[in-house]
Amino acid sequence: MNILKASAAALGMTTLLATPIYAQTANPTVNANNLVSVSLSESLVENVANDLDVNVSQIPVTIEVPIGVAANVCNVAANVLASDNKSDGAECNAETTSQALTQAVQKQIGSQ
């Protein structure tokens, strides 16, 4: 009897733990890359250029970054950006910079 209860409990936990994973991958309308287009103001472009020690002209005024980075620098909830990202992509205006944003810019200008 105890083995049956333990098996039922294990099956229940497995189902419970697997459900959120399925829910996250079940929405086919979310953009596969989950990137957000972030616009940088002139002052933020200057800040990033100074951080990277490059000419301001090398810094893009718009960059695509993961939702979490965009949410941080644009001061917008990640779930709002994810909702906007379902069909035609999310966009926001950066209010600040972050190390992750600077790294994304560095990666982009390094690949040009």
Protein backbone atom coordinates (compact mmCIF):
# COMPACT_ATOMS: atom_id res chain seq x y z
CA MET A 1 0.00 0.00 0.00
CA ASN A 2 2.84 2.43 0.86
CA ILE A 3 4.54 1.73 -2.49
CA LEU A 4 1.31 2.60 -4.32
CA LYS A 5 0.99 5.88 -2.40
CA ALA A 6 4.63 6.75 -3.04
CA SER A 7 4.26 6.00 -6.76
CA ALA A 8 1.12 8.14 -6.99
CA ALA A 9 2.86 10.99 -5.16
CA ALA A 10 5.90 10.78 -7.44
CA LEU A 11 3.69 10.79 -10.53
CA GLY A 12 1.80 13.80 -9.21
CA MET A 13 5.03 15.73 -8.52
CA THR A 14 6.41 14.87 -11.96
CA THR A 15 3.25 16.17 -13.61
CA LEU A 16 3.27 19.29 -11.44
CA LEU A 17 6.90 20.07 -12.21
CA ALA A 18 6.57 19.39 -15.94
CA THR A 19 3.52 21.58 -16.48
CA PRO A 20 5.27 25.00 -16.32
CA ILE A 21 7.93 23.84 -18.77
CA TYR A 22 5.26 22.78 -21.25
CA ALA A 23 3.40 26.05 -20.75
CA GLN A 24 6.52 28.06 -21.55
CA THR A 25 7.14 26.26 -24.83
CA ALA A 26 3.53 25.80 -25.93
CA ASN A 27 2.99 29.31 -27.36
CA PRO A 28 4.07 29.24 -31.01
CA THR A 29 3.32 32.94 -31.57
CA VAL A 30 6.19 34.24 -29.41
CA ASN A 31 9.16 35.34 -31.51
CA ALA A 32 11.74 32.57 -31.48
CA ASN A 33 14.61 34.93 -30.69
CA ASN A 34 12.83 36.69 -27.79
CA LEU A 35 14.73 39.89 -28.51
CA VAL A 36 13.53 43.42 -27.92
CA SER A 37 14.58 46.41 -30.00
CA VAL A 38 16.00 49.01 -27.60
CA SER A 39 16.53 52.61 -28.68
CA LEU A 40 19.41 54.53 -27.10
CA SER A 41 19.31 58.28 -26.57
CA GLU A 42 22.29 60.41 -27.53
CA SER A 43 23.49 60.63 -23.93
CA LEU A 44 23.25 56.85 -23.47
CA VAL A 45 25.16 56.31 -26.73
CA GLU A 46 27.88 58.57 -25.32
CA ASN A 47 27.92 56.64 -22.03
CA VAL A 48 28.26 53.29 -23.80
CA ALA A 49 30.97 54.68 -26.10
CA ASN A 50 32.90 55.91 -23.05
CA ASP A 51 32.47 52.55 -21.30
CA LEU A 52 33.81 50.73 -24.37
CA ASP A 53 36.44 53.38 -25.13
CA VAL A 54 35.29 53.74 -28.74
CA ASN A 55 34.08 56.58 -30.94
CA VAL A 56 30.43 57.53 -30.49
CA SER A 57 29.83 56.92 -34.19
CA GLN A 58 30.47 53.19 -33.66
CA ILE A 59 27.57 52.79 -31.22
CA PRO A 60 24.22 51.82 -32.75
CA VAL A 61 21.20 53.92 -31.76
CA THR A 62 19.06 50.77 -31.73
CA ILE A 63 20.07 47.31 -30.59
CA GLU A 64 18.25 44.03 -30.09
CA VAL A 65 18.73 42.50 -26.64
CA PRO A 66 17.05 39.75 -24.60
CA ILE A 67 13.81 40.67 -22.83
CA GLY A 68 15.43 40.71 -19.39
CA VAL A 69 18.08 43.22 -20.47
CA ALA A 70 15.48 45.42 -22.17
CA ALA A 71 13.20 45.32 -19.13
CA ASN A 72 16.09 46.47 -16.96
CA VAL A 73 17.34 49.36 -19.09
CA CYS A 74 13.90 50.53 -20.25
CA ASN A 75 12.32 50.24 -16.81
CA VAL A 76 9.45 48.16 -18.22
CA ALA A 77 8.12 44.92 -16.77
CA ALA A 78 9.43 41.88 -18.62
CA ASN A 79 5.94 40.42 -18.96
CA VAL A 80 4.79 43.59 -20.77
CA LEU A 81 7.67 43.28 -23.24
CA ALA A 82 7.01 39.56 -23.68
CA SER A 83 3.37 40.29 -24.43
CA ASP A 84 4.35 42.96 -26.99
CA ASN A 85 6.87 40.54 -28.51
CA LYS A 86 4.25 37.97 -29.55
CA SER A 87 3.68 39.03 -33.14
CA ASP A 88 5.71 41.90 -34.48
CA GLY A 89 8.36 42.39 -31.82
CA ALA A 90 8.69 44.61 -28.79
CA GLU A 91 10.40 47.98 -28.68
CA CYS A 92 11.37 50.29 -25.85
CA ASN A 93 13.48 53.35 -25.11
CA ALA A 94 16.40 52.82 -22.76
CA GLU A 95 16.43 55.03 -19.69
CA THR A 96 19.80 53.80 -18.44
CA THR A 97 22.62 51.48 -19.41
CA SER A 98 23.74 48.23 -17.85
CA GLN A 99 26.69 45.91 -18.13
CA ALA A 100 24.57 43.49 -20.17
CA LEU A 101 23.54 46.25 -22.59
CA THR A 102 27.13 47.40 -22.98
CA GLN A 103 28.21 43.82 -23.66
CA ALA A 104 25.49 43.44 -26.31
CA VAL A 105 26.67 46.64 -28.01
CA GLN A 106 30.27 45.47 -27.82
CA LYS A 107 29.31 42.16 -29.41
CA GLN A 108 27.39 43.91 -32.19
CA ILE A 109 30.11 46.41 -33.08
CA GLY A 110 32.71 43.66 -32.90
CA SER A 111 30.87 41.66 -35.54
CA GLN A 112 30.61 44.53 -38.03
